[in-house]
N, C-alpha and C. Protein backbone atom coordinates (compact mmCIF):
# COMPACT_ATOMS: atom_id res chain seq x y z
N MET A 1 6.31 -36.59 -40.23
CA MET A 1 5.95 -36.46 -38.95
C MET A 1 4.90 -35.89 -38.99
N LYS A 2 4.29 -34.64 -39.98
CA LYS A 2 3.52 -33.77 -39.60
C LYS A 2 2.14 -34.11 -40.59
N SER A 3 2.69 -35.19 -41.55
CA SER A 3 1.55 -35.80 -42.48
C SER A 3 0.99 -36.92 -41.73
N GLU A 4 1.88 -37.39 -40.67
CA GLU A 4 1.12 -38.94 -39.91
C GLU A 4 0.10 -37.83 -38.74
N TRP A 5 0.66 -36.92 -37.94
CA TRP A 5 0.16 -36.30 -37.26
C TRP A 5 -1.44 -35.71 -37.84
N ARG A 6 -1.29 -35.35 -39.25
CA ARG A 6 -2.71 -34.61 -39.98
C ARG A 6 -3.67 -35.79 -40.43
N GLN A 7 -2.95 -37.11 -40.76
CA GLN A 7 -3.69 -38.17 -40.86
C GLN A 7 -4.30 -38.63 -39.79
N LYS A 8 -3.82 -38.85 -38.86
CA LYS A 8 -5.00 -39.41 -37.23
C LYS A 8 -5.62 -38.18 -36.57
N LEU A 9 -5.23 -36.76 -37.18
CA LEU A 9 -6.22 -36.08 -36.86
C LEU A 9 -7.83 -35.74 -37.58
N ALA A 10 -7.64 -36.81 -39.34
CA ALA A 10 -8.36 -36.53 -39.93
C ALA A 10 -9.21 -37.74 -39.63
N VAL A 11 -8.34 -38.56 -39.42
CA VAL A 11 -9.20 -39.69 -38.86
C VAL A 11 -9.96 -39.68 -37.46
N PHE A 12 -9.49 -38.95 -36.43
CA PHE A 12 -10.26 -38.90 -35.29
C PHE A 12 -11.42 -37.80 -36.10
N LEU A 13 -11.58 -36.96 -36.54
CA LEU A 13 -12.58 -35.96 -36.73
C LEU A 13 -13.53 -36.92 -37.82
N LYS A 14 -13.30 -37.30 -38.46
CA LYS A 14 -13.93 -38.37 -39.34
C LYS A 14 -14.97 -39.31 -39.03
N ASN A 15 -14.62 -39.95 -37.53
CA ASN A 15 -14.90 -40.84 -36.90
C ASN A 15 -16.13 -40.12 -35.54
N ARG A 16 -16.25 -38.53 -35.80
CA ARG A 16 -16.82 -37.98 -34.76
C ARG A 16 -17.98 -37.35 -35.06
N LYS A 17 -19.07 -36.96 -34.33
CA LYS A 17 -20.20 -36.39 -34.76
C LYS A 17 -19.97 -35.08 -35.01
N LYS A 18 -20.59 -33.96 -35.65
CA LYS A 18 -20.50 -32.88 -35.18
C LYS A 18 -20.25 -31.88 -34.06
N GLU A 19 -21.62 -32.63 -33.09
CA GLU A 19 -21.77 -32.46 -31.57
C GLU A 19 -20.40 -32.44 -31.15
N GLN A 20 -19.88 -33.52 -31.63
CA GLN A 20 -18.72 -33.86 -30.26
C GLN A 20 -17.52 -33.41 -30.48
N ILE A 21 -17.24 -32.66 -32.14
CA ILE A 21 -15.78 -31.95 -32.25
C ILE A 21 -16.67 -30.58 -31.79
N VAL A 22 -17.68 -29.89 -32.00
CA VAL A 22 -17.88 -28.31 -31.64
C VAL A 22 -17.62 -28.51 -29.64
N THR A 23 -17.77 -29.72 -28.73
CA THR A 23 -17.67 -29.73 -27.99
C THR A 23 -16.16 -29.87 -27.36
N VAL A 24 -15.81 -30.36 -28.21
CA VAL A 24 -13.90 -30.57 -27.96
C VAL A 24 -13.67 -29.31 -28.21
N LEU A 25 -14.13 -28.31 -29.08
CA LEU A 25 -13.40 -27.22 -29.67
C LEU A 25 -13.90 -26.27 -28.44
N LEU A 26 -14.75 -26.45 -27.94
CA LEU A 26 -15.39 -25.38 -26.48
C LEU A 26 -14.83 -25.22 -25.62
N ILE A 27 -14.50 -26.57 -25.23
CA ILE A 27 -13.57 -27.18 -23.93
C ILE A 27 -12.53 -26.54 -23.90
N ALA A 28 -11.53 -26.56 -25.52
CA ALA A 28 -10.48 -26.21 -25.86
C ALA A 28 -10.21 -24.42 -25.16
N ALA A 29 -11.09 -23.88 -26.32
CA ALA A 29 -11.33 -22.54 -26.00
C ALA A 29 -11.47 -21.95 -24.61
N LEU A 30 -12.27 -22.74 -23.51
CA LEU A 30 -12.67 -22.67 -22.36
C LEU A 30 -11.00 -23.02 -21.15
N ALA A 31 -10.31 -23.64 -21.96
CA ALA A 31 -9.30 -23.93 -21.22
C ALA A 31 -8.26 -22.86 -21.33
N VAL A 32 -8.79 -22.33 -22.75
CA VAL A 32 -7.53 -21.14 -23.02
C VAL A 32 -7.94 -19.97 -22.08
N VAL A 33 -9.19 -19.44 -22.50
CA VAL A 33 -9.58 -18.67 -21.73
C VAL A 33 -9.16 -18.77 -19.97
N ILE A 34 -9.51 -20.03 -19.51
CA ILE A 34 -9.02 -19.80 -18.06
C ILE A 34 -7.38 -19.39 -17.81
N PHE A 35 -6.67 -20.47 -18.46
CA PHE A 35 -5.23 -20.34 -18.46
C PHE A 35 -4.48 -19.21 -18.86
N LEU A 36 -5.15 -18.41 -19.64
CA LEU A 36 -4.42 -17.23 -20.28
C LEU A 36 -4.19 -16.06 -18.70
N PRO A 37 -5.51 -15.34 -18.10
CA PRO A 37 -5.30 -14.51 -16.76
C PRO A 37 -4.25 -15.24 -16.01
N THR A 38 -4.30 -16.35 -15.73
CA THR A 38 -2.90 -17.03 -14.87
C THR A 38 -1.78 -16.82 -15.32
N SER A 39 -1.62 -16.63 -16.37
CA SER A 39 -0.16 -16.57 -16.98
C SER A 39 0.59 -15.30 -17.20
N ASP A 40 -0.35 -14.33 -17.36
CA ASP A 40 -0.43 -12.57 -17.32
C ASP A 40 -0.57 -12.49 -15.75
N THR A 41 -0.87 -12.93 -14.77
CA THR A 41 -0.61 -12.71 -13.23
C THR A 41 0.63 -12.87 -12.97
N GLY A 42 1.36 -13.86 -13.78
CA GLY A 42 2.36 -14.16 -13.18
C GLY A 42 3.55 -13.91 -13.95
N LYS A 43 3.67 -13.02 -14.98
CA LYS A 43 4.09 -11.84 -15.65
C LYS A 43 4.13 -11.09 -14.91
N ARG A 44 2.91 -10.40 -14.04
CA ARG A 44 3.12 -9.32 -13.60
C ARG A 44 3.78 -9.66 -12.22
N ARG A 45 3.40 -10.44 -11.47
CA ARG A 45 4.55 -10.65 -10.21
C ARG A 45 6.38 -10.37 -10.63
N GLU A 46 6.39 -11.44 -11.52
CA GLU A 46 7.63 -11.33 -12.13
C GLU A 46 7.97 -9.79 -12.54
N ALA A 47 7.27 -9.10 -13.16
CA ALA A 47 7.70 -7.62 -13.45
C ALA A 47 7.58 -6.89 -12.01
N ASP A 48 7.03 -6.97 -11.27
CA ASP A 48 7.09 -6.68 -9.67
C ASP A 48 8.07 -7.09 -9.07
N MET A 49 8.45 -8.41 -8.90
CA MET A 49 9.73 -8.81 -8.25
C MET A 49 10.63 -8.13 -8.63
N GLY A 50 10.84 -7.91 -9.89
CA GLY A 50 12.32 -7.20 -10.85
C GLY A 50 12.01 -5.64 -10.32
N ALA A 51 10.91 -5.07 -10.35
CA ALA A 51 10.71 -3.68 -10.14
C ALA A 51 11.07 -3.61 -8.45
N SER A 52 11.04 -4.21 -7.46
CA SER A 52 11.58 -4.47 -6.27
C SER A 52 13.13 -4.57 -5.79
N ASP A 53 13.42 -5.64 -7.08
CA ASP A 53 14.76 -5.69 -6.83
C ASP A 53 15.42 -4.72 -6.79
N LEU A 54 15.03 -3.61 -8.09
CA LEU A 54 15.73 -2.42 -8.35
C LEU A 54 15.36 -1.42 -7.56
N GLY A 55 14.68 -1.75 -6.45
CA GLY A 55 14.34 -0.66 -5.78
C GLY A 55 13.45 0.31 -6.00
N GLU A 56 12.79 -0.61 -6.88
CA GLU A 56 11.56 0.74 -7.42
C GLU A 56 10.23 -0.31 -6.73
N ALA A 57 9.87 -0.69 -5.86
CA ALA A 57 8.54 -1.52 -5.13
C ALA A 57 7.60 -0.62 -6.07
N PRO A 58 5.98 -1.18 -6.51
CA PRO A 58 5.07 -0.53 -6.22
C PRO A 58 5.23 0.31 -5.40
N GLU A 59 3.96 1.41 -5.63
CA GLU A 59 3.74 2.62 -4.68
C GLU A 59 2.59 1.79 -2.80
N ALA A 60 2.10 0.96 -3.48
CA ALA A 60 0.97 0.49 -2.32
C ALA A 60 1.72 -0.66 -1.57
N GLU A 61 2.85 -1.74 -2.19
CA GLU A 61 3.95 -2.14 -1.45
C GLU A 61 4.78 -1.14 -0.58
N ARG A 62 5.29 -0.45 -1.57
CA ARG A 62 6.16 1.03 -0.18
C ARG A 62 5.93 1.32 0.74
N ALA A 63 4.06 1.46 0.65
CA ALA A 63 3.41 2.64 1.62
C ALA A 63 3.11 1.14 2.91
N GLU A 64 2.90 0.13 2.57
CA GLU A 64 2.84 -1.32 3.49
C GLU A 64 4.02 -1.21 4.14
N ASN A 65 4.98 -1.29 3.46
CA ASN A 65 6.37 -1.56 4.43
C ASN A 65 7.04 -0.15 5.14
N ASP A 66 6.94 1.12 4.58
CA ASP A 66 7.03 2.14 5.41
C ASP A 66 5.93 2.02 6.79
N THR A 67 4.92 1.78 6.77
CA THR A 67 3.88 1.33 8.11
C THR A 67 4.44 0.33 8.89
N GLU A 68 4.95 -0.95 8.08
CA GLU A 68 5.54 -1.77 9.00
C GLU A 68 6.83 -1.61 9.68
N GLN A 69 7.35 -0.40 8.96
CA GLN A 69 8.39 -0.23 9.83
C GLN A 69 8.32 0.92 10.72
N ILE A 70 7.34 1.84 10.57
CA ILE A 70 6.73 2.18 11.63
C ILE A 70 6.44 1.89 12.75
N ARG A 71 5.65 0.92 12.98
CA ARG A 71 5.16 -0.34 13.68
C ARG A 71 5.99 -0.60 14.45
N HIS A 72 7.12 -1.48 14.06
CA HIS A 72 8.39 -2.07 14.77
C HIS A 72 9.09 -1.24 15.62
N ARG A 73 8.99 0.51 14.88
CA ARG A 73 9.89 1.13 15.67
C ARG A 73 9.03 1.52 16.79
N MET A 74 7.78 1.80 16.85
CA MET A 74 7.03 2.22 17.94
C MET A 74 6.89 0.74 18.83
N GLU A 75 7.05 0.03 18.61
CA GLU A 75 7.24 -1.53 19.37
C GLU A 75 8.41 -1.38 20.41
N ASP A 76 9.59 -1.43 19.30
CA ASP A 76 11.06 -1.49 19.88
C ASP A 76 11.05 0.00 20.87
N GLU A 77 10.96 0.90 20.78
CA GLU A 77 10.96 2.12 21.46
C GLU A 77 10.18 1.92 22.44
N LEU A 78 8.80 1.63 22.95
CA LEU A 78 8.03 1.36 23.62
C LEU A 78 8.63 0.38 24.70
N GLY A 79 8.91 -0.64 23.94
CA GLY A 79 9.77 -1.90 25.19
C GLY A 79 10.66 -1.31 25.75
N ASP A 80 11.80 -0.65 24.88
CA ASP A 80 12.81 0.10 25.79
C ASP A 80 12.49 0.82 26.61
N ILE A 81 11.46 1.83 26.28
CA ILE A 81 10.96 2.58 27.37
C ILE A 81 10.74 1.93 28.95
N LEU A 82 9.96 0.94 28.38
CA LEU A 82 9.14 0.53 29.67
C LEU A 82 10.26 -0.47 30.66
N SER A 83 10.83 -1.02 29.79
CA SER A 83 12.10 -1.80 30.38
C SER A 83 12.67 -1.33 31.19
N LYS A 84 12.58 0.22 31.53
CA LYS A 84 13.73 1.32 32.10
C LYS A 84 13.04 1.68 33.33
N VAL A 85 11.67 0.99 33.47
CA VAL A 85 10.95 1.88 34.54
C VAL A 85 10.78 0.60 35.95
N GLU A 86 11.29 1.11 36.62
CA GLU A 86 11.19 0.18 38.18
C GLU A 86 10.10 -0.89 38.17
N GLY A 87 10.44 -2.10 38.34
CA GLY A 87 9.86 -2.84 38.73
C GLY A 87 8.66 -3.79 37.40
N VAL A 88 9.09 -2.93 36.13
CA VAL A 88 8.17 -3.69 34.68
C VAL A 88 8.99 -4.54 34.67
N GLY A 89 10.62 -4.70 34.13
CA GLY A 89 11.32 -6.19 34.30
C GLY A 89 11.29 -6.06 32.70
N SER A 90 11.64 -7.55 31.69
CA SER A 90 11.75 -7.31 30.75
C SER A 90 10.44 -7.15 29.80
N VAL A 91 10.30 -6.88 28.89
CA VAL A 91 8.78 -6.74 28.17
C VAL A 91 8.57 -6.95 26.63
N GLN A 92 7.89 -7.12 26.12
CA GLN A 92 7.33 -7.60 24.62
C GLN A 92 6.35 -6.90 24.52
N VAL A 93 6.50 -6.03 23.88
CA VAL A 93 4.89 -4.78 22.88
C VAL A 93 4.47 -5.28 21.76
N ALA A 94 3.53 -5.39 21.26
CA ALA A 94 2.96 -5.34 20.11
C ALA A 94 2.05 -4.12 20.00
N VAL A 95 1.97 -3.47 18.83
CA VAL A 95 1.28 -2.63 18.28
C VAL A 95 0.48 -2.81 17.78
N THR A 96 -0.79 -2.60 17.15
CA THR A 96 -1.71 -2.59 16.01
C THR A 96 -1.70 -1.04 15.92
N LEU A 97 -2.13 -1.03 14.03
CA LEU A 97 -2.46 0.35 13.71
C LEU A 97 -3.64 0.47 13.03
N GLU A 98 -4.27 1.65 13.04
CA GLU A 98 -5.54 2.10 12.52
C GLU A 98 -5.37 2.18 11.26
N THR A 99 -4.33 2.87 10.79
CA THR A 99 -4.57 3.72 9.32
C THR A 99 -2.93 3.65 8.96
N THR A 100 -3.05 3.92 7.53
CA THR A 100 -1.45 3.54 7.52
C THR A 100 -0.52 5.35 7.32
N GLY A 101 -1.70 5.92 7.40
CA GLY A 101 -0.70 7.41 7.93
C GLY A 101 -0.80 8.03 6.59
N LYS A 102 -0.21 8.93 6.19
CA LYS A 102 -0.94 10.18 4.97
C LYS A 102 0.67 10.40 4.61
N LYS A 103 0.76 11.18 3.63
CA LYS A 103 1.95 12.07 3.30
C LYS A 103 1.50 13.03 2.08
N THR A 104 1.55 14.29 2.29
CA THR A 104 0.94 15.31 1.62
C THR A 104 2.24 15.61 0.72
N VAL A 105 2.31 15.46 -0.77
CA VAL A 105 3.27 16.09 -1.74
C VAL A 105 3.18 17.55 -1.57
N GLU A 106 4.54 18.01 -2.48
CA GLU A 106 4.30 19.59 -2.88
C GLU A 106 3.69 19.39 -3.96
N LYS A 107 2.96 20.81 -4.29
CA LYS A 107 1.85 20.62 -5.93
C LYS A 107 2.54 22.30 -6.49
N ASP A 108 3.21 22.17 -7.42
CA ASP A 108 3.44 23.59 -8.21
C ASP A 108 2.11 23.97 -8.64
N VAL A 109 1.80 24.78 -8.44
CA VAL A 109 0.33 25.73 -9.14
C VAL A 109 0.97 26.33 -9.63
N PRO A 110 1.14 26.60 -11.09
CA PRO A 110 1.11 27.93 -12.10
C PRO A 110 -0.17 28.57 -12.04
N ASP A 111 -0.03 29.56 -12.16
CA ASP A 111 -1.01 30.53 -12.26
C ASP A 111 -1.14 31.26 -13.57
N SER A 112 -2.21 31.31 -14.25
CA SER A 112 -2.01 32.17 -15.95
C SER A 112 -3.58 32.65 -16.08
N THR A 113 -3.15 34.19 -16.48
CA THR A 113 -4.27 34.71 -16.53
C THR A 113 -4.40 35.69 -17.84
N SER A 114 -5.31 35.83 -18.66
CA SER A 114 -5.19 36.48 -19.90
C SER A 114 -6.64 37.30 -19.97
N SER A 115 -6.33 38.51 -20.14
CA SER A 115 -7.83 39.60 -20.60
C SER A 115 -7.42 39.65 -21.88
N GLN A 116 -8.74 40.31 -22.71
CA GLN A 116 -9.27 40.74 -24.16
C GLN A 116 -10.03 41.74 -24.20
N SER A 117 -9.87 42.59 -25.14
CA SER A 117 -10.89 43.38 -24.87
C SER A 117 -11.15 44.29 -26.39
N ALA A 118 -12.45 44.25 -26.36
CA ALA A 118 -12.43 44.50 -27.91
C ALA A 118 -13.80 45.40 -27.85
N THR A 119 -13.45 46.20 -28.69
CA THR A 119 -14.70 48.04 -29.04
C THR A 119 -15.27 47.30 -30.13
N THR A 120 -16.70 47.30 -29.51
CA THR A 120 -17.70 47.41 -30.76
C THR A 120 -18.33 48.33 -30.87
N GLY A 121 -19.17 48.96 -31.92
CA GLY A 121 -20.17 49.95 -31.83
C GLY A 121 -21.23 50.27 -30.49
N ASP A 122 -21.23 49.01 -30.08
CA ASP A 122 -22.24 49.51 -29.07
C ASP A 122 -21.26 49.99 -27.74
N GLY A 123 -20.06 49.91 -27.51
CA GLY A 123 -19.68 50.07 -26.35
C GLY A 123 -18.30 49.05 -26.48
N SER A 124 -17.39 49.05 -25.03
CA SER A 124 -16.38 48.01 -25.00
C SER A 124 -17.06 46.89 -24.33
N GLN A 125 -16.24 45.34 -25.00
CA GLN A 125 -16.25 44.56 -24.15
C GLN A 125 -15.53 44.15 -23.56
N GLU A 126 -15.22 43.16 -22.63
CA GLU A 126 -13.98 42.97 -22.00
C GLU A 126 -14.32 41.58 -21.77
N SER A 127 -12.99 40.63 -22.22
CA SER A 127 -13.31 39.38 -21.44
C SER A 127 -11.82 38.79 -20.51
N ASN A 128 -12.03 38.31 -19.41
CA ASN A 128 -10.89 37.40 -18.34
C ASN A 128 -11.31 36.13 -18.78
N SER A 129 -10.00 35.55 -18.45
CA SER A 129 -9.92 34.00 -18.46
C SER A 129 -8.80 33.57 -17.37
N ALA A 130 -9.00 32.39 -16.72
CA ALA A 130 -8.13 32.23 -15.88
C ALA A 130 -7.58 30.68 -15.81
N ALA A 131 -6.45 30.06 -15.99
CA ALA A 131 -6.41 28.95 -15.82
C ALA A 131 -5.59 28.76 -14.85
N THR A 132 -5.74 27.40 -13.83
CA THR A 132 -4.49 26.91 -13.08
C THR A 132 -4.08 25.47 -13.21
N GLU A 133 -2.99 24.60 -13.26
CA GLU A 133 -2.35 23.69 -13.27
C GLU A 133 -2.01 22.89 -12.51
N GLU A 134 -2.51 22.09 -11.57
CA GLU A 134 -1.21 21.17 -10.52
C GLU A 134 -0.52 20.44 -11.32
N LYS A 135 0.79 20.38 -10.37
CA LYS A 135 1.79 19.52 -11.21
C LYS A 135 2.70 18.81 -9.97
N THR A 136 2.73 17.86 -9.70
CA THR A 136 3.61 17.41 -8.50
C THR A 136 5.33 17.65 -8.56
N VAL A 137 5.70 18.03 -7.49
CA VAL A 137 7.04 18.58 -7.56
C VAL A 137 7.80 16.96 -7.35
N TYR A 138 8.73 16.70 -8.24
CA TYR A 138 9.58 15.58 -7.84
C TYR A 138 10.87 15.90 -7.76
N THR A 139 11.64 14.61 -6.76
CA THR A 139 12.77 15.23 -6.21
C THR A 139 13.43 13.63 -6.69
N THR A 140 14.79 13.89 -7.23
CA THR A 140 15.80 12.66 -7.60
C THR A 140 16.61 12.27 -6.16
N GLU A 141 16.50 10.55 -5.74
CA GLU A 141 17.48 10.47 -4.88
C GLU A 141 18.85 9.73 -5.66
N SER A 142 19.47 9.10 -4.52
CA SER A 142 20.49 9.06 -4.95
C SER A 142 20.76 7.68 -6.29
N ASN A 143 20.00 6.99 -6.08
CA ASN A 143 19.86 5.98 -6.82
C ASN A 143 19.60 6.72 -8.76
N GLY A 144 19.05 7.86 -8.59
CA GLY A 144 18.44 8.08 -9.70
C GLY A 144 16.95 8.48 -9.63
N ALA A 145 16.25 7.58 -8.96
CA ALA A 145 14.87 7.16 -8.90
C ALA A 145 14.02 8.74 -8.71
N GLN A 146 12.87 8.76 -9.33
CA GLN A 146 12.04 10.34 -9.16
C GLN A 146 11.21 10.11 -8.68
N VAL A 147 11.10 10.71 -7.15
CA VAL A 147 9.78 10.48 -6.24
C VAL A 147 9.28 11.63 -5.97
N PRO A 148 8.16 11.89 -5.50
CA PRO A 148 7.36 13.08 -4.79
C PRO A 148 7.78 13.56 -4.11
N TYR A 149 8.14 14.72 -3.59
CA TYR A 149 8.34 15.90 -2.82
C TYR A 149 7.66 15.54 -1.65
N VAL A 150 7.59 15.18 -0.39
CA VAL A 150 6.92 14.98 0.62
C VAL A 150 7.06 16.14 1.45
N VAL A 151 6.02 17.15 1.93
CA VAL A 151 6.10 18.69 2.41
C VAL A 151 5.65 18.02 3.85
N SER A 152 4.53 17.05 4.52
CA SER A 152 4.30 16.77 5.52
C SER A 152 3.85 15.12 5.80
N GLU A 153 4.00 14.65 6.73
CA GLU A 153 3.46 13.19 6.87
C GLU A 153 2.72 12.93 7.99
N THR A 154 1.93 12.45 7.89
CA THR A 154 1.04 12.03 9.08
C THR A 154 1.25 10.51 9.43
N LEU A 155 1.57 10.41 10.99
CA LEU A 155 1.72 9.06 11.51
C LEU A 155 0.70 8.16 11.48
N PRO A 156 0.52 6.59 11.28
CA PRO A 156 -0.51 6.09 11.36
C PRO A 156 -1.30 6.26 12.68
N GLN A 157 -2.43 6.09 12.88
CA GLN A 157 -3.41 6.08 14.18
C GLN A 157 -2.89 4.70 14.99
N VAL A 158 -2.41 4.80 16.00
CA VAL A 158 -2.54 3.26 16.91
C VAL A 158 -3.84 3.02 17.29
N ARG A 159 -4.13 1.74 17.15
CA ARG A 159 -5.81 0.98 17.25
C ARG A 159 -5.70 0.36 19.01
N GLY A 160 -4.48 -0.21 19.47
CA GLY A 160 -4.17 -1.04 20.57
C GLY A 160 -2.87 -1.42 20.72
N VAL A 161 -2.44 -1.54 21.97
CA VAL A 161 -1.33 -2.13 22.53
C VAL A 161 -1.21 -2.77 23.40
N LEU A 162 -0.43 -4.04 23.22
CA LEU A 162 -0.49 -5.01 24.07
C LEU A 162 0.87 -4.88 24.73
N VAL A 163 1.38 -5.03 26.34
CA VAL A 163 2.54 -5.25 26.62
C VAL A 163 2.61 -6.03 27.70
N ILE A 164 3.49 -7.21 27.26
CA ILE A 164 3.52 -8.59 28.20
C ILE A 164 4.98 -8.16 28.96
N ALA A 165 4.81 -7.89 30.36
CA ALA A 165 6.12 -7.32 31.22
C ALA A 165 6.02 -8.70 32.11
N GLU A 166 7.42 -8.69 32.89
CA GLU A 166 7.24 -9.64 33.94
C GLU A 166 6.90 -9.00 35.46
N GLY A 167 6.47 -7.78 35.08
CA GLY A 167 5.84 -7.02 36.37
C GLY A 167 4.52 -6.48 36.09
N GLY A 168 4.05 -7.20 35.13
CA GLY A 168 2.41 -7.24 34.62
C GLY A 168 1.67 -7.71 35.99
N GLY A 169 1.81 -8.93 36.84
CA GLY A 169 1.00 -9.30 37.82
C GLY A 169 0.73 -8.24 39.15
N ASP A 170 1.93 -7.08 39.06
CA ASP A 170 1.44 -6.08 40.23
C ASP A 170 0.22 -5.13 39.35
N PRO A 171 -0.72 -4.78 40.45
CA PRO A 171 -1.68 -3.73 39.93
C PRO A 171 -1.28 -2.42 39.59
N VAL A 172 0.02 -1.89 40.40
CA VAL A 172 0.41 -0.76 40.70
C VAL A 172 1.32 -0.48 39.18
N ILE A 173 2.28 -1.60 38.83
CA ILE A 173 2.81 -1.71 37.85
C ILE A 173 2.28 -1.65 36.51
N ILE A 174 0.95 -2.31 36.65
CA ILE A 174 -0.13 -2.70 35.39
C ILE A 174 -0.77 -0.92 35.23
N GLU A 175 -0.90 -0.09 36.26
CA GLU A 175 -1.67 1.06 36.11
C GLU A 175 -0.42 1.96 35.50
N GLU A 176 0.43 1.76 35.85
CA GLU A 176 1.63 3.11 35.22
C GLU A 176 2.14 2.83 34.05
N ILE A 177 2.33 1.36 33.66
CA ILE A 177 2.06 1.13 32.26
C ILE A 177 1.43 1.73 31.34
N GLN A 178 -0.31 1.49 32.13
CA GLN A 178 -0.98 1.98 30.86
C GLN A 178 -1.31 3.40 31.06
N GLU A 179 -0.67 4.40 31.77
CA GLU A 179 -0.85 5.73 31.87
C GLU A 179 0.40 6.07 30.86
N ALA A 180 1.52 5.38 31.04
CA ALA A 180 2.58 5.85 30.07
C ALA A 180 1.75 5.76 28.62
N VAL A 181 1.47 4.55 28.26
CA VAL A 181 1.20 4.44 26.85
C VAL A 181 0.27 5.53 26.64
N MET A 182 -0.73 5.59 27.61
CA MET A 182 -2.04 6.71 27.36
C MET A 182 -1.06 7.64 26.92
N ALA A 183 -0.62 7.99 27.50
CA ALA A 183 0.55 9.69 27.75
C ALA A 183 1.24 9.65 26.38
N LEU A 184 1.62 8.63 25.56
CA LEU A 184 2.42 8.20 24.56
C LEU A 184 1.71 8.33 22.93
N PHE A 185 0.77 7.51 23.13
CA PHE A 185 0.16 7.11 21.79
C PHE A 185 -1.63 7.88 21.81
N HIS A 186 -1.65 8.55 23.38
CA HIS A 186 -3.23 8.82 23.50
C HIS A 186 -4.24 7.97 22.91
N LEU A 187 -4.04 7.10 23.88
CA LEU A 187 -5.26 5.92 23.87
C LEU A 187 -6.00 6.07 25.11
N GLU A 188 -7.29 5.26 24.94
CA GLU A 188 -7.71 5.17 26.22
C GLU A 188 -7.64 4.05 26.90
N ALA A 189 -7.88 3.61 28.04
CA ALA A 189 -7.16 2.66 28.79
C ALA A 189 -7.62 1.27 28.53
N HIS A 190 -8.97 1.14 27.38
CA HIS A 190 -9.42 -0.08 27.09
C HIS A 190 -8.65 -0.64 25.97
N LYS A 191 -7.76 0.18 25.57
CA LYS A 191 -7.37 0.05 24.50
C LYS A 191 -6.05 -0.81 24.84
N ILE A 192 -5.39 -0.69 26.11
CA ILE A 192 -4.05 -0.95 26.37
C ILE A 192 -4.35 -2.47 27.25
N LYS A 193 -3.52 -3.41 26.74
CA LYS A 193 -3.70 -4.73 27.86
C LYS A 193 -2.41 -5.10 28.09
N VAL A 194 -2.28 -4.83 29.64
CA VAL A 194 -0.82 -5.47 30.30
C VAL A 194 -1.23 -6.54 30.75
N MET A 195 -0.08 -7.45 30.44
CA MET A 195 -0.39 -8.98 30.95
C MET A 195 1.22 -9.57 31.30
N LYS A 196 1.12 -10.36 32.43
CA LYS A 196 2.40 -10.84 32.88
C LYS A 196 2.93 -11.85 32.57
N LYS A 197 4.44 -11.55 31.83
CA LYS A 197 5.27 -12.61 31.60
C LYS A 197 5.86 -13.37 32.47
N LYS A 198 5.61 -14.73 31.35
CA LYS A 198 5.73 -16.15 31.98
C LYS A 198 7.52 -16.27 32.32
């Protein structure tokens, strides 16, 4: 079987010119180069999916999920509050965020200083040195994962709010909704849109 394949390859190569053989080899090498990164990307995706299945999502994905949860919570709470106002009726709320927020992690900063003094014929000479090294403080979650200890968290900034309400056709209700959203999210009026629900 192998000898037949080799014979066919030898016959193919004898019937071709050197330029044709070089061209075929270059095309084969180019195909290998093109398709190798794709397979690596697939392996990375599989690794990321496996990590997320284990609850160890990559940091960027985890931050995005946290931001989405915050946005949904804002929408739900604002919709719930506005629906309780007389004349507003049922509402749907959409919130867009400007940033993803910021978490400040605890840093352990050990401080070490050393001093040396030496006496020479001219007099005494003293040398001081100080070194600081920051290390992130980690905490262990219930599943055993090590995560940085978060000291403070800044919520994402709200870019704009859309409120679709049954009472959205009444100018008084529109103004009340706008004032409520302005008070809650510190937004200017032009970043808040109120529409009538059909």
